[in-house]
Amino acid sequence: MLRKQSCTLLSNEEIAKNIRLARFSGDAACFTAPGQFAGVALSGCYLRRPISVSDFYPGGFEMIYKVVGKGT
């Protein structure tokens, strides 16, 4: 089921070379297990980026991703 919502980026820190950990605040009720994907919409990019959720908790969630181009 597609569910759109706005979240706030709390932090985006580098944890290894070209690997980042992004923490978001927002409703994480749609996630039931780590490894599920969220389609992240970015201004200036036509398509959403599917990024896996690494952790979730009441009021927020985290994503770990590798920087490989303009969309990340």
N, C-alpha and C. Protein backbone atom coordinates (compact mmCIF):
# COMPACT_ATOMS: atom_id res chain seq x y z
N MET A 1 0.83 -1.18 0.00
CA MET A 1 0.00 0.00 0.00
C MET A 1 0.88 1.24 0.00
N LEU A 2 0.59 2.17 -0.88
CA LEU A 2 1.32 3.41 -0.97
C LEU A 2 0.80 4.39 0.08
N ARG A 3 1.73 4.93 0.85
CA ARG A 3 1.35 5.87 1.89
C ARG A 3 2.33 7.04 1.85
N LYS A 4 1.84 8.21 1.54
CA LYS A 4 2.70 9.39 1.47
C LYS A 4 2.68 10.12 2.80
N GLN A 5 3.85 10.57 3.20
CA GLN A 5 3.94 11.39 4.40
C GLN A 5 5.22 12.20 4.34
N SER A 6 5.23 13.29 5.03
CA SER A 6 6.42 14.13 5.13
C SER A 6 7.13 13.82 6.43
N CYS A 7 8.43 13.73 6.37
CA CYS A 7 9.25 13.48 7.56
C CYS A 7 10.32 14.56 7.64
N THR A 8 10.88 14.72 8.80
CA THR A 8 11.92 15.71 9.03
C THR A 8 13.26 15.00 9.20
N LEU A 9 14.25 15.44 8.43
CA LEU A 9 15.60 14.89 8.55
C LEU A 9 16.24 15.47 9.81
N LEU A 10 16.59 14.59 10.75
CA LEU A 10 17.21 15.04 12.00
C LEU A 10 18.72 15.11 11.89
N SER A 11 19.32 14.11 11.24
CA SER A 11 20.77 14.10 11.06
C SER A 11 21.11 13.24 9.85
N ASN A 12 22.28 13.48 9.29
CA ASN A 12 22.75 12.74 8.13
C ASN A 12 24.27 12.67 8.25
N GLU A 13 24.76 11.67 8.96
CA GLU A 13 26.18 11.61 9.28
C GLU A 13 26.89 10.50 8.49
N GLU A 14 28.15 10.74 8.19
CA GLU A 14 28.96 9.75 7.50
C GLU A 14 29.47 8.75 8.53
N ILE A 15 29.21 7.46 8.29
CA ILE A 15 29.64 6.42 9.23
C ILE A 15 30.78 5.57 8.66
N ALA A 16 31.04 5.68 7.37
CA ALA A 16 32.18 5.06 6.69
C ALA A 16 32.35 5.83 5.39
N LYS A 17 33.38 5.51 4.62
CA LYS A 17 33.62 6.22 3.38
C LYS A 17 32.43 6.02 2.44
N ASN A 18 31.77 7.13 2.07
CA ASN A 18 30.61 7.15 1.18
C ASN A 18 29.38 6.42 1.73
N ILE A 19 29.35 6.10 3.00
CA ILE A 19 28.19 5.46 3.64
C ILE A 19 27.65 6.44 4.68
N ARG A 20 26.34 6.69 4.62
CA ARG A 20 25.73 7.67 5.52
C ARG A 20 24.56 7.07 6.28
N LEU A 21 24.33 7.59 7.46
CA LEU A 21 23.20 7.22 8.30
C LEU A 21 22.30 8.44 8.42
N ALA A 22 21.09 8.32 7.90
CA ALA A 22 20.11 9.41 7.97
C ALA A 22 19.05 9.06 9.00
N ARG A 23 18.80 9.97 9.92
CA ARG A 23 17.76 9.79 10.94
C ARG A 23 16.61 10.75 10.66
N PHE A 24 15.38 10.22 10.71
CA PHE A 24 14.19 11.00 10.40
C PHE A 24 13.23 10.96 11.57
N SER A 25 12.49 12.05 11.77
CA SER A 25 11.36 12.03 12.70
C SER A 25 10.11 11.99 11.84
N GLY A 26 9.12 11.27 12.31
CA GLY A 26 7.87 11.13 11.58
C GLY A 26 7.21 9.82 11.95
N ASP A 27 6.07 9.59 11.36
CA ASP A 27 5.29 8.38 11.65
C ASP A 27 5.96 7.16 11.04
N ALA A 28 6.40 6.23 11.86
CA ALA A 28 7.05 5.00 11.39
C ALA A 28 6.12 3.80 11.53
N ALA A 29 4.82 4.02 11.70
CA ALA A 29 3.87 2.94 11.92
C ALA A 29 3.75 2.01 10.72
N CYS A 30 4.10 2.47 9.52
CA CYS A 30 3.97 1.62 8.33
C CYS A 30 5.11 0.61 8.22
N PHE A 31 6.18 0.76 9.00
CA PHE A 31 7.29 -0.19 8.98
C PHE A 31 7.05 -1.27 10.02
N THR A 32 7.22 -2.52 9.63
CA THR A 32 7.01 -3.63 10.56
C THR A 32 8.29 -4.43 10.79
N ALA A 33 9.33 -4.18 9.99
CA ALA A 33 10.60 -4.89 10.15
C ALA A 33 11.69 -4.12 9.41
N PRO A 34 12.94 -4.16 9.92
CA PRO A 34 14.04 -3.56 9.17
C PRO A 34 14.16 -4.24 7.81
N GLY A 35 14.61 -3.50 6.80
CA GLY A 35 14.77 -4.04 5.46
C GLY A 35 13.65 -3.66 4.53
N GLN A 36 12.58 -3.10 5.06
CA GLN A 36 11.51 -2.61 4.19
C GLN A 36 11.99 -1.33 3.51
N PHE A 37 11.42 -1.04 2.35
CA PHE A 37 11.85 0.11 1.58
C PHE A 37 10.88 1.28 1.71
N ALA A 38 11.47 2.46 1.65
CA ALA A 38 10.70 3.70 1.57
C ALA A 38 11.12 4.39 0.29
N GLY A 39 10.18 4.93 -0.44
CA GLY A 39 10.48 5.70 -1.65
C GLY A 39 10.71 7.15 -1.27
N VAL A 40 11.95 7.60 -1.36
CA VAL A 40 12.31 8.95 -0.92
C VAL A 40 12.24 9.89 -2.11
N ALA A 41 11.39 10.92 -2.02
CA ALA A 41 11.26 11.93 -3.06
C ALA A 41 12.24 13.06 -2.78
N LEU A 42 12.99 13.45 -3.80
CA LEU A 42 13.98 14.51 -3.67
C LEU A 42 13.66 15.62 -4.65
N SER A 43 13.81 16.86 -4.21
CA SER A 43 13.58 17.97 -5.14
C SER A 43 14.69 17.94 -6.19
N GLY A 44 14.32 18.16 -7.45
CA GLY A 44 15.28 18.14 -8.53
C GLY A 44 15.48 16.77 -9.16
N CYS A 45 14.87 15.74 -8.60
CA CYS A 45 14.97 14.38 -9.15
C CYS A 45 13.55 13.92 -9.50
N TYR A 46 13.40 13.37 -10.69
CA TYR A 46 12.08 12.98 -11.18
C TYR A 46 11.54 11.74 -10.45
N LEU A 47 12.38 10.73 -10.28
CA LEU A 47 11.94 9.48 -9.66
C LEU A 47 12.30 9.44 -8.19
N ARG A 48 11.46 8.75 -7.40
CA ARG A 48 11.78 8.54 -5.98
C ARG A 48 12.92 7.54 -5.88
N ARG A 49 13.67 7.61 -4.81
CA ARG A 49 14.79 6.69 -4.55
C ARG A 49 14.34 5.65 -3.53
N PRO A 50 14.37 4.36 -3.88
CA PRO A 50 14.01 3.33 -2.90
C PRO A 50 15.20 3.08 -1.96
N ILE A 51 15.00 3.36 -0.69
CA ILE A 51 16.07 3.17 0.30
C ILE A 51 15.50 2.33 1.42
N SER A 52 16.29 1.34 1.84
CA SER A 52 15.87 0.41 2.88
C SER A 52 15.94 1.06 4.26
N VAL A 53 14.96 0.76 5.08
CA VAL A 53 14.92 1.24 6.46
C VAL A 53 15.77 0.31 7.31
N SER A 54 16.74 0.86 8.04
CA SER A 54 17.62 0.02 8.86
C SER A 54 17.12 -0.13 10.29
N ASP A 55 16.34 0.84 10.77
CA ASP A 55 15.79 0.75 12.13
C ASP A 55 14.58 1.69 12.19
N PHE A 56 13.63 1.36 13.05
CA PHE A 56 12.46 2.21 13.24
C PHE A 56 12.06 2.14 14.71
N TYR A 57 11.39 3.15 15.17
CA TYR A 57 10.97 3.27 16.57
C TYR A 57 9.83 4.26 16.62
N PRO A 58 9.10 4.34 17.71
CA PRO A 58 8.00 5.31 17.79
C PRO A 58 8.53 6.73 17.54
N GLY A 59 7.99 7.37 16.54
CA GLY A 59 8.38 8.75 16.26
C GLY A 59 9.50 8.93 15.27
N GLY A 60 10.02 7.83 14.70
CA GLY A 60 11.10 8.02 13.73
C GLY A 60 11.66 6.73 13.17
N PHE A 61 12.62 6.89 12.27
CA PHE A 61 13.29 5.75 11.65
C PHE A 61 14.64 6.18 11.11
N GLU A 62 15.46 5.18 10.71
CA GLU A 62 16.80 5.43 10.20
C GLU A 62 17.00 4.70 8.88
N MET A 63 17.83 5.28 8.04
CA MET A 63 18.21 4.66 6.77
C MET A 63 19.72 4.76 6.64
N ILE A 64 20.35 3.68 6.16
CA ILE A 64 21.78 3.68 5.85
C ILE A 64 21.87 3.54 4.33
N TYR A 65 22.66 4.40 3.70
CA TYR A 65 22.77 4.36 2.25
C TYR A 65 24.17 4.73 1.81
N LYS A 66 24.49 4.33 0.58
CA LYS A 66 25.79 4.62 -0.02
C LYS A 66 25.63 5.76 -1.01
N VAL A 67 26.52 6.72 -0.97
CA VAL A 67 26.50 7.86 -1.88
C VAL A 67 27.14 7.40 -3.20
N VAL A 68 26.31 7.38 -4.27
CA VAL A 68 26.83 6.92 -5.57
C VAL A 68 26.50 7.89 -6.70
N GLY A 69 25.77 8.95 -6.44
CA GLY A 69 25.44 9.89 -7.49
C GLY A 69 24.61 11.04 -6.99
N LYS A 70 24.02 11.79 -7.92
CA LYS A 70 23.26 13.00 -7.59
C LYS A 70 22.09 12.72 -6.65
N GLY A 71 21.38 11.61 -6.84
CA GLY A 71 20.20 11.31 -6.04
C GLY A 71 20.47 10.83 -4.63
N THR A 72 21.71 10.51 -4.34
CA THR A 72 22.04 10.08 -2.98
C THR A 72 23.07 11.02 -2.41
